[in-house]
Amino acid sequence: MKLKQLTRHVWAGCAYWPVPVMVWIVEGRNGLTLVDGGLPSMWNPMHEALHTTFRGRSLNRILLTHGHGDHVGMLYALTEHLQLPITAHEFEIPFLSGEKSYTTLRPGSVNKDIQPGDLFTIFFGKLRRPIEKFTANMEESLQSGALVARLKPKLTACAHFGVVKDASIQYINLV
């Protein structure tokens, strides 16, 4: 995993398993934030990057978008070496603690109260729908993506397949 600086304050790291899996480091006034925990294999390169690329700047927190295995895999090794707060949306806590399973959220299941999934993917530089297999409710996921259309970010980083420019324009074609 190599880190690539995307903006003045944001770096992206990527590993392949079997699709690209992304993590980000965001530099703020209060230190560095790791967004998502990626795969277990990402820990050694991340550990090295913290000592080289970010020399003198401390990792102060971890922010999880959700608890899929490819978003939390590095956390076990990371928390053995560093004592950091891990933040996630309150709806994700039962999944992260093992109390609930994402598989119960499929259509026809009893538990439909939380609808996780990766919001977008990118394929050949174009914004794409989330991966169907890992998305409990495609319609809800696409509706959540309307935020991109409203905010109009210059860059949109996706958990799988990288970063896309002007996602707000491409979002219209997904719905």
N, C-alpha and C. Protein backbone atom coordinates (compact mmCIF):
# COMPACT_ATOMS: atom_id res chain seq x y z
N MET A 1 0.84 -1.18 0.00
CA MET A 1 0.00 0.00 0.00
C MET A 1 0.89 1.24 0.00
N LYS A 2 0.66 2.09 -0.97
CA LYS A 2 1.34 3.37 -1.02
C LYS A 2 0.31 4.45 -0.75
N LEU A 3 0.76 5.49 -0.06
CA LEU A 3 -0.13 6.62 0.17
C LEU A 3 0.07 7.65 -0.93
N LYS A 4 -1.04 8.20 -1.40
CA LYS A 4 -1.00 9.24 -2.42
C LYS A 4 -1.69 10.47 -1.85
N GLN A 5 -1.03 11.60 -1.93
CA GLN A 5 -1.64 12.83 -1.44
C GLN A 5 -2.64 13.33 -2.46
N LEU A 6 -3.91 13.45 -2.02
CA LEU A 6 -4.99 13.89 -2.91
C LEU A 6 -5.19 15.40 -2.87
N THR A 7 -5.11 15.96 -1.67
CA THR A 7 -5.24 17.39 -1.46
C THR A 7 -4.21 17.78 -0.41
N ARG A 8 -4.20 19.03 -0.05
CA ARG A 8 -3.23 19.50 0.95
C ARG A 8 -3.34 18.73 2.26
N HIS A 9 -4.54 18.28 2.60
CA HIS A 9 -4.77 17.64 3.90
C HIS A 9 -5.28 16.20 3.84
N VAL A 10 -5.35 15.61 2.66
CA VAL A 10 -5.92 14.26 2.54
C VAL A 10 -5.00 13.35 1.74
N TRP A 11 -4.72 12.15 2.31
CA TRP A 11 -3.93 11.12 1.64
C TRP A 11 -4.80 9.88 1.50
N ALA A 12 -4.60 9.13 0.45
CA ALA A 12 -5.34 7.88 0.23
C ALA A 12 -4.35 6.72 0.13
N GLY A 13 -4.75 5.59 0.71
CA GLY A 13 -3.98 4.37 0.59
C GLY A 13 -4.86 3.31 -0.03
N CYS A 14 -4.26 2.38 -0.76
CA CYS A 14 -5.04 1.37 -1.46
C CYS A 14 -4.33 0.03 -1.41
N ALA A 15 -5.13 -1.02 -1.20
CA ALA A 15 -4.64 -2.40 -1.29
C ALA A 15 -5.65 -3.16 -2.15
N TYR A 16 -5.24 -4.29 -2.71
CA TYR A 16 -6.11 -5.04 -3.60
C TYR A 16 -6.49 -6.37 -2.97
N TRP A 17 -7.84 -6.64 -2.94
CA TRP A 17 -8.32 -7.87 -2.34
C TRP A 17 -9.79 -8.10 -2.66
N PRO A 18 -10.30 -8.79 -3.49
CA PRO A 18 -9.85 -8.87 -4.87
C PRO A 18 -10.10 -7.57 -5.62
N VAL A 19 -10.81 -6.63 -4.98
CA VAL A 19 -10.99 -5.31 -5.57
C VAL A 19 -10.18 -4.30 -4.76
N PRO A 20 -9.90 -3.14 -5.31
CA PRO A 20 -9.17 -2.13 -4.53
C PRO A 20 -9.95 -1.72 -3.28
N VAL A 21 -9.26 -1.63 -2.17
CA VAL A 21 -9.83 -1.20 -0.90
C VAL A 21 -9.07 0.05 -0.46
N MET A 22 -9.80 1.11 -0.15
CA MET A 22 -9.20 2.40 0.17
C MET A 22 -9.30 2.73 1.65
N VAL A 23 -8.31 3.46 2.15
CA VAL A 23 -8.34 4.13 3.45
C VAL A 23 -7.80 5.53 3.22
N TRP A 24 -8.10 6.43 4.14
CA TRP A 24 -7.66 7.81 4.00
C TRP A 24 -7.09 8.31 5.31
N ILE A 25 -6.13 9.20 5.20
CA ILE A 25 -5.64 9.94 6.36
C ILE A 25 -5.93 11.40 6.09
N VAL A 26 -6.60 12.03 7.06
CA VAL A 26 -6.96 13.43 6.95
C VAL A 26 -6.22 14.19 8.04
N GLU A 27 -5.51 15.24 7.64
CA GLU A 27 -4.77 16.06 8.60
C GLU A 27 -5.61 17.27 8.98
N GLY A 28 -5.81 17.43 10.27
CA GLY A 28 -6.56 18.58 10.78
C GLY A 28 -5.77 19.28 11.86
N ARG A 29 -6.36 20.29 12.46
CA ARG A 29 -5.69 21.04 13.53
C ARG A 29 -5.35 20.15 14.72
N ASN A 30 -6.15 19.13 14.95
CA ASN A 30 -5.94 18.25 16.11
C ASN A 30 -5.25 16.95 15.73
N GLY A 31 -4.43 16.95 14.71
CA GLY A 31 -3.69 15.76 14.33
C GLY A 31 -4.31 15.03 13.16
N LEU A 32 -3.93 13.76 13.04
CA LEU A 32 -4.35 12.94 11.90
C LEU A 32 -5.53 12.06 12.27
N THR A 33 -6.42 11.87 11.29
CA THR A 33 -7.56 10.96 11.44
C THR A 33 -7.45 9.91 10.35
N LEU A 34 -7.55 8.65 10.74
CA LEU A 34 -7.62 7.55 9.79
C LEU A 34 -9.10 7.29 9.51
N VAL A 35 -9.49 7.36 8.24
CA VAL A 35 -10.87 7.07 7.86
C VAL A 35 -10.89 5.65 7.30
N ASP A 36 -11.55 4.79 8.00
CA ASP A 36 -11.69 3.36 7.73
C ASP A 36 -10.41 2.60 8.07
N GLY A 37 -10.61 1.32 8.38
CA GLY A 37 -9.51 0.49 8.84
C GLY A 37 -9.01 -0.50 7.82
N GLY A 38 -9.54 -0.47 6.61
CA GLY A 38 -9.01 -1.29 5.53
C GLY A 38 -8.89 -2.76 5.82
N LEU A 39 -7.87 -3.36 5.25
CA LEU A 39 -7.59 -4.79 5.37
C LEU A 39 -6.45 -5.03 6.35
N PRO A 40 -6.37 -6.21 6.96
CA PRO A 40 -5.26 -6.49 7.88
C PRO A 40 -3.89 -6.28 7.23
N SER A 41 -3.77 -6.61 5.95
CA SER A 41 -2.49 -6.48 5.25
C SER A 41 -2.04 -5.03 5.09
N MET A 42 -2.90 -4.08 5.38
CA MET A 42 -2.55 -2.67 5.24
C MET A 42 -1.80 -2.12 6.46
N TRP A 43 -1.78 -2.88 7.57
CA TRP A 43 -1.18 -2.36 8.79
C TRP A 43 0.31 -2.05 8.66
N ASN A 44 1.12 -2.97 8.17
CA ASN A 44 2.56 -2.71 8.10
C ASN A 44 2.89 -1.49 7.25
N PRO A 45 2.32 -1.34 6.05
CA PRO A 45 2.59 -0.13 5.28
C PRO A 45 2.06 1.14 5.98
N MET A 46 0.92 1.03 6.65
CA MET A 46 0.37 2.18 7.36
C MET A 46 1.30 2.57 8.51
N HIS A 47 1.77 1.58 9.24
CA HIS A 47 2.69 1.82 10.36
C HIS A 47 3.94 2.54 9.85
N GLU A 48 4.46 2.08 8.73
CA GLU A 48 5.64 2.71 8.13
C GLU A 48 5.33 4.15 7.70
N ALA A 49 4.18 4.37 7.08
CA ALA A 49 3.80 5.71 6.63
C ALA A 49 3.65 6.67 7.81
N LEU A 50 3.14 6.18 8.93
CA LEU A 50 2.98 7.05 10.09
C LEU A 50 4.34 7.53 10.59
N HIS A 51 5.38 6.71 10.41
CA HIS A 51 6.72 7.10 10.86
C HIS A 51 7.51 7.86 9.81
N THR A 52 7.14 7.75 8.54
CA THR A 52 7.90 8.43 7.48
C THR A 52 7.13 9.62 6.92
N THR A 53 6.06 9.36 6.22
CA THR A 53 5.27 10.43 5.60
C THR A 53 4.76 11.44 6.62
N PHE A 54 4.33 10.96 7.78
CA PHE A 54 3.70 11.82 8.78
C PHE A 54 4.57 12.05 10.01
N ARG A 55 5.87 11.98 9.82
CA ARG A 55 6.82 12.15 10.92
C ARG A 55 6.48 13.42 11.72
N GLY A 56 6.33 13.22 13.02
CA GLY A 56 6.06 14.36 13.89
C GLY A 56 4.59 14.69 14.05
N ARG A 57 3.75 14.06 13.27
CA ARG A 57 2.30 14.28 13.39
C ARG A 57 1.67 13.00 13.89
N SER A 58 0.85 13.11 14.89
CA SER A 58 0.31 11.89 15.50
C SER A 58 -1.07 11.54 14.96
N LEU A 59 -1.30 10.23 14.88
CA LEU A 59 -2.63 9.72 14.55
C LEU A 59 -3.45 9.79 15.83
N ASN A 60 -4.54 10.54 15.80
CA ASN A 60 -5.31 10.80 17.02
C ASN A 60 -6.66 10.11 17.10
N ARG A 61 -7.15 9.63 15.96
CA ARG A 61 -8.48 9.01 15.99
C ARG A 61 -8.70 8.19 14.72
N ILE A 62 -9.70 7.30 14.81
CA ILE A 62 -10.11 6.50 13.67
C ILE A 62 -11.61 6.73 13.48
N LEU A 63 -12.01 6.97 12.25
CA LEU A 63 -13.41 7.16 11.91
C LEU A 63 -13.81 6.04 10.96
N LEU A 64 -14.81 5.26 11.35
CA LEU A 64 -15.28 4.17 10.51
C LEU A 64 -16.56 4.58 9.79
N THR A 65 -16.62 4.32 8.49
CA THR A 65 -17.84 4.59 7.75
C THR A 65 -18.87 3.50 8.01
N HIS A 66 -18.41 2.26 8.15
CA HIS A 66 -19.27 1.14 8.51
C HIS A 66 -18.37 -0.05 8.84
N GLY A 67 -18.98 -1.15 9.25
CA GLY A 67 -18.20 -2.26 9.80
C GLY A 67 -17.93 -3.44 8.89
N HIS A 68 -18.04 -3.28 7.59
CA HIS A 68 -17.67 -4.40 6.70
C HIS A 68 -16.22 -4.78 6.97
N GLY A 69 -15.88 -6.05 6.78
CA GLY A 69 -14.55 -6.56 7.05
C GLY A 69 -13.44 -5.81 6.34
N ASP A 70 -13.72 -5.30 5.15
CA ASP A 70 -12.70 -4.56 4.41
C ASP A 70 -12.60 -3.10 4.85
N HIS A 71 -13.31 -2.74 5.91
CA HIS A 71 -13.24 -1.39 6.47
C HIS A 71 -12.72 -1.39 7.90
N VAL A 72 -12.54 -2.58 8.49
CA VAL A 72 -12.08 -2.66 9.88
C VAL A 72 -10.89 -3.58 10.08
N GLY A 73 -10.36 -4.18 9.04
CA GLY A 73 -9.35 -5.23 9.15
C GLY A 73 -8.05 -4.84 9.82
N MET A 74 -7.64 -3.60 9.70
CA MET A 74 -6.38 -3.14 10.26
C MET A 74 -6.52 -2.75 11.73
N LEU A 75 -7.74 -2.65 12.23
CA LEU A 75 -7.96 -2.11 13.57
C LEU A 75 -7.33 -2.94 14.68
N TYR A 76 -7.33 -4.26 14.56
CA TYR A 76 -6.78 -5.09 15.62
C TYR A 76 -5.29 -4.81 15.82
N ALA A 77 -4.54 -4.80 14.76
CA ALA A 77 -3.10 -4.51 14.86
C ALA A 77 -2.86 -3.06 15.26
N LEU A 78 -3.64 -2.16 14.71
CA LEU A 78 -3.45 -0.75 14.99
C LEU A 78 -3.69 -0.44 16.47
N THR A 79 -4.75 -0.99 17.04
CA THR A 79 -5.06 -0.69 18.44
C THR A 79 -4.13 -1.43 19.42
N GLU A 80 -3.41 -2.43 18.95
CA GLU A 80 -2.39 -3.05 19.80
C GLU A 80 -1.20 -2.11 19.98
N HIS A 81 -0.94 -1.28 18.97
CA HIS A 81 0.21 -0.39 19.00
C HIS A 81 -0.13 1.03 19.47
N LEU A 82 -1.34 1.47 19.22
CA LEU A 82 -1.75 2.83 19.55
C LEU A 82 -3.07 2.81 20.30
N GLN A 83 -3.19 3.65 21.29
CA GLN A 83 -4.45 3.80 22.03
C GLN A 83 -5.20 4.98 21.43
N LEU A 84 -6.20 4.68 20.59
CA LEU A 84 -6.92 5.71 19.87
C LEU A 84 -8.42 5.53 20.01
N PRO A 85 -9.16 6.64 20.04
CA PRO A 85 -10.62 6.50 20.00
C PRO A 85 -11.05 6.09 18.59
N ILE A 86 -12.04 5.21 18.53
CA ILE A 86 -12.62 4.77 17.27
C ILE A 86 -14.05 5.27 17.24
N THR A 87 -14.39 6.00 16.19
CA THR A 87 -15.72 6.60 16.07
C THR A 87 -16.47 5.98 14.90
N ALA A 88 -17.74 5.71 15.14
CA ALA A 88 -18.63 5.20 14.09
C ALA A 88 -20.03 5.70 14.41
N HIS A 89 -20.89 5.70 13.42
CA HIS A 89 -22.27 6.09 13.65
C HIS A 89 -22.91 5.10 14.63
N GLU A 90 -23.77 5.60 15.48
CA GLU A 90 -24.39 4.74 16.50
C GLU A 90 -25.12 3.53 15.90
N PHE A 91 -25.65 3.65 14.69
CA PHE A 91 -26.34 2.52 14.06
C PHE A 91 -25.38 1.39 13.73
N GLU A 92 -24.10 1.69 13.61
CA GLU A 92 -23.10 0.67 13.26
C GLU A 92 -22.60 -0.12 14.46
N ILE A 93 -22.79 0.37 15.65
CA ILE A 93 -22.23 -0.26 16.85
C ILE A 93 -22.66 -1.73 17.00
N PRO A 94 -23.93 -2.09 16.83
CA PRO A 94 -24.30 -3.51 16.96
C PRO A 94 -23.58 -4.42 15.95
N PHE A 95 -23.27 -3.89 14.78
CA PHE A 95 -22.57 -4.68 13.76
C PHE A 95 -21.09 -4.81 14.10
N LEU A 96 -20.52 -3.72 14.61
CA LEU A 96 -19.11 -3.74 14.99
C LEU A 96 -18.86 -4.61 16.22
N SER A 97 -19.84 -4.68 17.11
CA SER A 97 -19.69 -5.48 18.33
C SER A 97 -20.06 -6.95 18.12
N GLY A 98 -20.65 -7.27 16.96
CA GLY A 98 -21.05 -8.65 16.69
C GLY A 98 -22.45 -8.98 17.13
N GLU A 99 -23.14 -8.01 17.70
CA GLU A 99 -24.51 -8.22 18.16
C GLU A 99 -25.46 -8.48 16.98
N LYS A 100 -25.18 -7.84 15.84
CA LYS A 100 -25.98 -8.02 14.63
C LYS A 100 -25.05 -8.35 13.47
N SER A 101 -25.63 -8.91 12.42
CA SER A 101 -24.89 -9.24 11.22
C SER A 101 -25.50 -8.51 10.04
N TYR A 102 -24.66 -8.02 9.16
CA TYR A 102 -25.17 -7.34 7.97
C TYR A 102 -26.02 -8.26 7.10
N THR A 103 -25.79 -9.55 7.18
CA THR A 103 -26.57 -10.48 6.35
C THR A 103 -28.05 -10.47 6.71
N THR A 104 -28.39 -10.00 7.93
CA THR A 104 -29.80 -9.94 8.32
C THR A 104 -30.54 -8.80 7.65
N LEU A 105 -29.84 -7.96 6.93
CA LEU A 105 -30.47 -6.79 6.32
C LEU A 105 -30.93 -7.02 4.89
N ARG A 106 -30.73 -8.20 4.39
CA ARG A 106 -31.16 -8.52 3.02
C ARG A 106 -32.69 -8.52 2.94
N PRO A 107 -33.24 -8.26 1.75
CA PRO A 107 -34.69 -8.29 1.59
C PRO A 107 -35.26 -9.63 2.10
N GLY A 108 -36.37 -9.51 2.81
CA GLY A 108 -37.01 -10.71 3.34
C GLY A 108 -36.51 -11.08 4.72
N SER A 109 -35.48 -10.41 5.21
CA SER A 109 -34.99 -10.71 6.55
C SER A 109 -35.85 -10.01 7.58
N VAL A 110 -35.73 -10.43 8.82
CA VAL A 110 -36.54 -9.87 9.90
C VAL A 110 -36.05 -8.47 10.27
N ASN A 111 -34.75 -8.25 10.28
CA ASN A 111 -34.18 -7.00 10.76
C ASN A 111 -33.84 -6.08 9.58
N LYS A 112 -34.64 -5.04 9.39
CA LYS A 112 -34.40 -4.12 8.29
C LYS A 112 -34.18 -2.69 8.79
N ASP A 113 -33.81 -2.54 10.07
CA ASP A 113 -33.75 -1.20 10.65
C ASP A 113 -32.54 -0.39 10.21
N ILE A 114 -31.48 -1.02 9.74
CA ILE A 114 -30.27 -0.30 9.32
C ILE A 114 -29.90 -0.77 7.92
N GLN A 115 -29.59 0.15 7.07
CA GLN A 115 -29.26 -0.19 5.69
C GLN A 115 -27.84 0.24 5.35
N PRO A 116 -26.82 -0.58 5.62
CA PRO A 116 -25.44 -0.20 5.32
C PRO A 116 -25.08 -0.51 3.86
N GLY A 117 -23.87 -0.23 3.54
CA GLY A 117 -23.33 -0.55 2.22
C GLY A 117 -22.42 0.55 1.77
N ASP A 118 -21.50 0.26 0.85
CA ASP A 118 -20.65 1.29 0.29
C ASP A 118 -21.52 2.18 -0.56
N LEU A 119 -21.32 3.48 -0.49
CA LEU A 119 -22.21 4.40 -1.18
C LEU A 119 -22.01 4.37 -2.69
N PHE A 120 -20.76 4.43 -3.14
CA PHE A 120 -20.46 4.39 -4.57
C PHE A 120 -19.24 3.52 -4.80
N THR A 121 -19.01 3.18 -6.03
CA THR A 121 -17.74 2.62 -6.48
C THR A 121 -17.33 3.42 -7.70
N ILE A 122 -16.11 3.21 -8.13
CA ILE A 122 -15.62 3.88 -9.33
C ILE A 122 -15.05 2.82 -10.24
N PHE A 123 -15.34 2.92 -11.52
CA PHE A 123 -14.82 1.96 -12.49
C PHE A 123 -14.35 2.74 -13.70
N PHE A 124 -13.08 2.60 -14.04
CA PHE A 124 -12.47 3.33 -15.14
C PHE A 124 -12.74 4.83 -15.06
N GLY A 125 -12.59 5.37 -13.84
CA GLY A 125 -12.72 6.81 -13.64
C GLY A 125 -14.13 7.35 -13.62
N LYS A 126 -15.12 6.47 -13.64
CA LYS A 126 -16.51 6.91 -13.63
C LYS A 126 -17.22 6.40 -12.38
N LEU A 127 -18.09 7.24 -11.85
CA LEU A 127 -18.87 6.89 -10.68
C LEU A 127 -19.86 5.79 -11.03
N ARG A 128 -19.93 4.78 -10.17
CA ARG A 128 -20.84 3.64 -10.39
C ARG A 128 -21.66 3.39 -9.14
N ARG A 129 -22.72 2.62 -9.31
CA ARG A 129 -23.55 2.22 -8.18
C ARG A 129 -22.73 1.36 -7.21
N PRO A 130 -23.21 1.24 -5.97
CA PRO A 130 -22.53 0.34 -5.04
C PRO A 130 -22.57 -1.09 -5.56
N ILE A 131 -21.69 -1.92 -5.04
CA ILE A 131 -21.66 -3.33 -5.43
C ILE A 131 -22.91 -4.01 -4.85
N GLU A 132 -23.74 -4.54 -5.73
CA GLU A 132 -25.04 -5.11 -5.35
C GLU A 132 -24.92 -6.13 -4.21
N LYS A 133 -23.94 -7.00 -4.30
CA LYS A 133 -23.77 -8.07 -3.31
C LYS A 133 -23.61 -7.55 -1.89
N PHE A 134 -23.03 -6.35 -1.75
CA PHE A 134 -22.73 -5.81 -0.43
C PHE A 134 -23.65 -4.67 -0.04
N THR A 135 -24.72 -4.47 -0.77
CA THR A 135 -25.63 -3.36 -0.51
C THR A 135 -27.01 -3.91 -0.17
N ALA A 136 -27.44 -3.65 1.06
CA ALA A 136 -28.71 -4.19 1.52
C ALA A 136 -29.91 -3.53 0.83
N ASN A 137 -29.82 -2.24 0.56
CA ASN A 137 -30.94 -1.53 -0.04
C ASN A 137 -30.39 -0.54 -1.06
N MET A 138 -30.37 -0.92 -2.30
CA MET A 138 -29.78 -0.10 -3.36
C MET A 138 -30.49 1.24 -3.48
N GLU A 139 -31.81 1.25 -3.43
CA GLU A 139 -32.56 2.49 -3.57
C GLU A 139 -32.19 3.49 -2.47
N GLU A 140 -32.12 3.01 -1.24
CA GLU A 140 -31.75 3.89 -0.13
C GLU A 140 -30.31 4.40 -0.28
N SER A 141 -29.43 3.54 -0.72
CA SER A 141 -28.05 3.94 -0.92
C SER A 141 -27.95 5.04 -1.97
N LEU A 142 -28.67 4.89 -3.07
CA LEU A 142 -28.66 5.90 -4.12
C LEU A 142 -29.29 7.21 -3.64
N GLN A 143 -30.32 7.12 -2.83
CA GLN A 143 -30.93 8.33 -2.28
C GLN A 143 -29.94 9.05 -1.36
N SER A 144 -29.16 8.28 -0.59
CA SER A 144 -28.15 8.89 0.27
C SER A 144 -27.09 9.62 -0.55
N GLY A 145 -26.84 9.13 -1.73
CA GLY A 145 -25.86 9.74 -2.61
C GLY A 145 -26.26 11.12 -3.12
N ALA A 146 -27.51 11.49 -2.92
CA ALA A 146 -27.95 12.82 -3.34
C ALA A 146 -27.15 13.91 -2.64
N LEU A 147 -26.55 13.59 -1.52
CA LEU A 147 -25.68 14.53 -0.82
C LEU A 147 -24.54 15.01 -1.72
N VAL A 148 -24.02 14.11 -2.53
CA VAL A 148 -22.94 14.46 -3.46
C VAL A 148 -23.45 15.48 -4.48
N ALA A 149 -24.67 15.30 -4.94
CA ALA A 149 -25.24 16.24 -5.91
C ALA A 149 -25.42 17.62 -5.28
N ARG A 150 -25.78 17.67 -4.00
CA ARG A 150 -25.98 18.96 -3.33
C ARG A 150 -24.66 19.64 -2.99
N LEU A 151 -23.68 18.88 -2.50
CA LEU A 151 -22.42 19.48 -2.06
C LEU A 151 -21.47 19.83 -3.20
N LYS A 152 -21.57 19.10 -4.31
CA LYS A 152 -20.72 19.31 -5.49
C LYS A 152 -19.22 19.33 -5.16
N PRO A 153 -18.71 18.25 -4.53
CA PRO A 153 -17.27 18.24 -4.21
C PRO A 153 -16.43 18.11 -5.48
N LYS A 154 -15.21 18.66 -5.43
CA LYS A 154 -14.30 18.55 -6.57
C LYS A 154 -13.83 17.11 -6.72
N LEU A 155 -13.56 16.45 -5.59
CA LEU A 155 -13.13 15.05 -5.59
C LEU A 155 -14.04 14.25 -4.67
N THR A 156 -14.36 13.04 -5.08
CA THR A 156 -15.13 12.12 -4.24
C THR A 156 -14.33 10.83 -4.15
N ALA A 157 -13.98 10.46 -2.92
CA ALA A 157 -13.22 9.25 -2.69
C ALA A 157 -14.17 8.13 -2.33
N CYS A 158 -14.02 7.01 -3.00
CA CYS A 158 -14.87 5.85 -2.77
C CYS A 158 -14.05 4.74 -2.11
N ALA A 159 -14.71 3.92 -1.33
CA ALA A 159 -14.02 2.84 -0.63
C ALA A 159 -13.41 1.82 -1.58
N HIS A 160 -13.96 1.73 -2.78
CA HIS A 160 -13.45 0.77 -3.76
C HIS A 160 -13.23 1.46 -5.10
N PHE A 161 -12.06 1.29 -5.62
CA PHE A 161 -11.70 1.75 -6.96
C PHE A 161 -11.27 3.20 -7.07
N GLY A 162 -11.08 3.92 -5.96
CA GLY A 162 -10.41 5.20 -6.05
C GLY A 162 -11.20 6.46 -5.90
N VAL A 163 -10.76 7.48 -6.63
CA VAL A 163 -11.27 8.84 -6.52
C VAL A 163 -11.76 9.30 -7.88
N VAL A 164 -12.86 10.05 -7.87
CA VAL A 164 -13.42 10.56 -9.12
C VAL A 164 -13.62 12.06 -8.99
N LYS A 165 -13.44 12.77 -10.10
CA LYS A 165 -13.69 14.21 -10.14
C LYS A 165 -15.13 14.45 -10.54
N ASP A 166 -15.70 15.51 -10.00
CA ASP A 166 -17.04 15.97 -10.37
C ASP A 166 -18.10 14.87 -10.28
N ALA A 167 -18.12 14.17 -9.16
CA ALA A 167 -19.11 13.10 -8.96
C ALA A 167 -20.54 13.62 -9.00
N SER A 168 -20.74 14.89 -8.65
CA SER A 168 -22.10 15.42 -8.65
C SER A 168 -22.71 15.39 -10.04
N ILE A 169 -21.92 15.58 -11.05
CA ILE A 169 -22.41 15.53 -12.43
C ILE A 169 -22.73 14.08 -12.81
N GLN A 170 -21.87 13.16 -12.43
CA GLN A 170 -22.05 11.74 -12.77
C GLN A 170 -23.18 11.10 -11.97
N TYR A 171 -23.45 11.62 -10.77
CA TYR A 171 -24.48 11.04 -9.90
C TYR A 171 -25.84 10.99 -10.60
N ILE A 172 -26.15 11.99 -11.38
CA ILE A 172 -27.45 12.07 -12.09
C ILE A 172 -27.69 10.81 -12.92
N ASN A 173 -26.63 10.24 -13.50
CA ASN A 173 -26.77 9.04 -14.35
C ASN A 173 -27.00 7.76 -13.55
N LEU A 174 -26.82 7.80 -12.23
CA LEU A 174 -26.97 6.58 -11.42
C LEU A 174 -28.40 6.36 -10.95
N VAL A 175 -29.16 7.42 -10.86
CA VAL A 175 -30.52 7.30 -10.30
C VAL A 175 -31.56 7.08 -11.38
